[in-house]
């Protein structure tokens, strides 16, 4: 009678992150180069890579998600288009004021 214990135990079950179910020791491997320079031995998902080496996230798809991603690295807004336009308008206004003051002082 075969026991469920020991090295000959049949491994079954579902894998996480979209990997194919079954014996995970027989699953295709990721193969991505790790920091040691060796190929990764984690079970691969449907896209051919493991959950650690890419493909799990496809990035934001909705307009709200894209906007949230765009604003995630926002620091001060110093070089934003709105700020640059405000600076341009301010410079033009300042130049006009200086010219007006010159004309008034000459009179």
C-alpha atoms as a PDB file:
ATOM      1  CA  UNK A   1       0.000   0.000   0.000  1.00  0.00           C
ATOM      2  CA  UNK A   2       1.422   3.409  -1.012  1.00  0.00           C
ATOM      3  CA  UNK A   3       1.595   6.098   1.627  1.00  0.00           C
ATOM      4  CA  UNK A   4       1.166   9.831   1.167  1.00  0.00           C
ATOM      5  CA  UNK A   5       4.369  10.490   3.114  1.00  0.00           C
ATOM      6  CA  UNK A   6       7.930  10.418   1.872  1.00  0.00           C
ATOM      7  CA  UNK A   7       9.791  11.453  -1.293  1.00  0.00           C
ATOM      8  CA  UNK A   8       7.351   9.654  -3.600  1.00  0.00           C
ATOM      9  CA  UNK A   9       4.367  11.668  -2.400  1.00  0.00           C
ATOM     10  CA  UNK A  10       2.197  12.853  -5.276  1.00  0.00           C
ATOM     11  CA  UNK A  11       2.119  16.648  -5.361  1.00  0.00           C
ATOM     12  CA  UNK A  12      -1.121  18.144  -6.561  1.00  0.00           C
ATOM     13  CA  UNK A  13      -2.981  21.375  -6.136  1.00  0.00           C
ATOM     14  CA  UNK A  14      -3.555  24.700  -7.771  1.00  0.00           C
ATOM     15  CA  UNK A  15      -0.843  27.266  -8.180  1.00  0.00           C
ATOM     16  CA  UNK A  16      -1.296  30.966  -7.566  1.00  0.00           C
ATOM     17  CA  UNK A  17      -1.168  33.810 -10.080  1.00  0.00           C
ATOM     18  CA  UNK A  18      -2.512  31.983 -13.090  1.00  0.00           C
ATOM     19  CA  UNK A  19       0.011  29.156 -13.211  1.00  0.00           C
ATOM     20  CA  UNK A  20      -1.301  25.833 -14.445  1.00  0.00           C
ATOM     21  CA  UNK A  21      -2.598  23.465 -11.762  1.00  0.00           C
ATOM     22  CA  UNK A  22      -1.157  20.051 -11.081  1.00  0.00           C
ATOM     23  CA  UNK A  23       2.257  18.847 -10.066  1.00  0.00           C
ATOM     24  CA  UNK A  24       4.262  22.054  -9.717  1.00  0.00           C
ATOM     25  CA  UNK A  25       7.533  20.158  -9.917  1.00  0.00           C
ATOM     26  CA  UNK A  26       6.683  19.380 -13.545  1.00  0.00           C
ATOM     27  CA  UNK A  27       5.568  22.921 -14.424  1.00  0.00           C
ATOM     28  CA  UNK A  28       7.531  25.001 -16.913  1.00  0.00           C
ATOM     29  CA  UNK A  29      10.101  27.236 -15.263  1.00  0.00           C
ATOM     30  CA  UNK A  30      10.467  30.980 -15.524  1.00  0.00           C
ATOM     31  CA  UNK A  31      14.052  31.062 -16.752  1.00  0.00           C
ATOM     32  CA  UNK A  32      14.603  34.785 -16.112  1.00  0.00           C
ATOM     33  CA  UNK A  33      18.134  35.645 -15.055  1.00  0.00           C
ATOM     34  CA  UNK A  34      18.281  36.322 -11.315  1.00  0.00           C
ATOM     35  CA  UNK A  35      20.840  38.430  -9.455  1.00  0.00           C
ATOM     36  CA  UNK A  36      23.223  35.509  -9.193  1.00  0.00           C
ATOM     37  CA  UNK A  37      23.094  35.158 -12.988  1.00  0.00           C
ATOM     38  CA  UNK A  38      21.321  31.804 -12.867  1.00  0.00           C
ATOM     39  CA  UNK A  39      17.939  31.078 -14.453  1.00  0.00           C
ATOM     40  CA  UNK A  40      14.952  31.388 -12.124  1.00  0.00           C
ATOM     41  CA  UNK A  41      13.436  28.073 -11.119  1.00  0.00           C
ATOM     42  CA  UNK A  42       9.978  29.332 -10.058  1.00  0.00           C
ATOM     43  CA  UNK A  43       6.972  27.863 -11.868  1.00  0.00           C
ATOM     44  CA  UNK A  44       6.012  30.001 -14.844  1.00  0.00           C
ATOM     45  CA  UNK A  45       2.599  31.518 -15.463  1.00  0.00           C
ATOM     46  CA  UNK A  46       0.788  31.493 -18.801  1.00  0.00           C
ATOM     47  CA  UNK A  47       2.967  34.330 -20.093  1.00  0.00           C
ATOM     48  CA  UNK A  48       6.167  32.330 -19.509  1.00  0.00           C
ATOM     49  CA  UNK A  49       7.477  34.234 -16.481  1.00  0.00           C
ATOM     50  CA  UNK A  50       6.933  33.722 -12.770  1.00  0.00           C
ATOM     51  CA  UNK A  51       5.079  36.106 -10.511  1.00  0.00           C
ATOM     52  CA  UNK A  52       8.382  37.664  -9.436  1.00  0.00           C
ATOM     53  CA  UNK A  53       9.854  38.275 -12.877  1.00  0.00           C
ATOM     54  CA  UNK A  54       7.204  40.051 -14.770  1.00  0.00           C
ATOM     55  CA  UNK A  55       3.904  39.966 -16.400  1.00  0.00           C
ATOM     56  CA  UNK A  56       1.650  39.940 -13.351  1.00  0.00           C
ATOM     57  CA  UNK A  57       0.685  43.583 -13.774  1.00  0.00           C
ATOM     58  CA  UNK A  58      -0.181  45.044 -17.158  1.00  0.00           C
ATOM     59  CA  UNK A  59      -0.339  48.551 -15.781  1.00  0.00           C
ATOM     60  CA  UNK A  60      -3.295  50.885 -15.506  1.00  0.00           C
ATOM     61  CA  UNK A  61      -5.955  50.590 -18.207  1.00  0.00           C
ATOM     62  CA  UNK A  62      -8.710  52.984 -17.105  1.00  0.00           C
ATOM     63  CA  UNK A  63      -8.485  56.752 -17.370  1.00  0.00           C
ATOM     64  CA  UNK A  64      -8.623  57.057 -13.583  1.00  0.00           C
ATOM     65  CA  UNK A  65      -5.810  54.530 -13.194  1.00  0.00           C
ATOM     66  CA  UNK A  66      -3.667  56.249 -15.818  1.00  0.00           C
ATOM     67  CA  UNK A  67      -4.167  59.615 -14.122  1.00  0.00           C
ATOM     68  CA  UNK A  68      -3.330  58.140 -10.713  1.00  0.00           C
ATOM     69  CA  UNK A  69      -0.159  56.603 -12.138  1.00  0.00           C
ATOM     70  CA  UNK A  70       0.810  59.883 -13.792  1.00  0.00           C
ATOM     71  CA  UNK A  71       0.341  61.810 -10.562  1.00  0.00           C
ATOM     72  CA  UNK A  72       2.189  59.238  -8.420  1.00  0.00           C
ATOM     73  CA  UNK A  73       5.586  60.809  -9.086  1.00  0.00           C
ATOM     74  CA  UNK A  74       4.356  64.422  -8.876  1.00  0.00           C
ATOM     75  CA  UNK A  75       6.661  66.444  -6.641  1.00  0.00           C
ATOM     76  CA  UNK A  76       6.221  70.233  -6.814  1.00  0.00           C
ATOM     77  CA  UNK A  77       4.716  70.965 -10.209  1.00  0.00           C
ATOM     78  CA  UNK A  78       7.445  73.519 -10.860  1.00  0.00           C
ATOM     79  CA  UNK A  79       7.836  72.421 -14.482  1.00  0.00           C
ATOM     80  CA  UNK A  80       4.201  71.599 -15.206  1.00  0.00           C
ATOM     81  CA  UNK A  81       2.533  73.120 -18.255  1.00  0.00           C
ATOM     82  CA  UNK A  82       0.195  75.230 -16.107  1.00  0.00           C
ATOM     83  CA  UNK A  83       3.036  76.646 -14.058  1.00  0.00           C
ATOM     84  CA  UNK A  84       5.115  77.443 -17.152  1.00  0.00           C
ATOM     85  CA  UNK A  85       2.138  79.243 -18.726  1.00  0.00           C
ATOM     86  CA  UNK A  86       1.601  81.284 -15.538  1.00  0.00           C
ATOM     87  CA  UNK A  87       5.277  82.265 -15.501  1.00  0.00           C
ATOM     88  CA  UNK A  88       5.105  83.326 -19.152  1.00  0.00           C
ATOM     89  CA  UNK A  89       2.029  85.488 -18.504  1.00  0.00           C
ATOM     90  CA  UNK A  90       3.701  87.011 -15.427  1.00  0.00           C
ATOM     91  CA  UNK A  91       6.835  87.917 -17.411  1.00  0.00           C
ATOM     92  CA  UNK A  92       4.760  89.571 -20.140  1.00  0.00           C
ATOM     93  CA  UNK A  93       2.764  91.514 -17.536  1.00  0.00           C
ATOM     94  CA  UNK A  94       5.949  92.578 -15.730  1.00  0.00           C
ATOM     95  CA  UNK A  95       7.504  93.771 -18.993  1.00  0.00           C
ATOM     96  CA  UNK A  96       4.398  95.826 -19.793  1.00  0.00           C
ATOM     97  CA  UNK A  97       4.438  97.377 -16.309  1.00  0.00           C
ATOM     98  CA  UNK A  98       8.118  98.333 -16.661  1.00  0.00           C
ATOM     99  CA  UNK A  99       7.458  99.974 -20.033  1.00  0.00           C
ATOM    100  CA  UNK A 100       4.498 101.872 -18.583  1.00  0.00           C
ATOM    101  CA  UNK A 101       6.631 103.111 -15.684  1.00  0.00           C
ATOM    102  CA  UNK A 102       9.333 104.295 -18.088  1.00  0.00           C
ATOM    103  CA  UNK A 103       6.737 106.239 -20.100  1.00  0.00           C
ATOM    104  CA  UNK A 104       5.278 107.825 -16.941  1.00  0.00           C
ATOM    105  CA  UNK A 105       8.692 108.792 -15.578  1.00  0.00           C
ATOM    106  CA  UNK A 106       9.627 110.523 -18.865  1.00  0.00           C
ATOM    107  CA  UNK A 107       6.626 112.823 -18.685  1.00  0.00           C
END
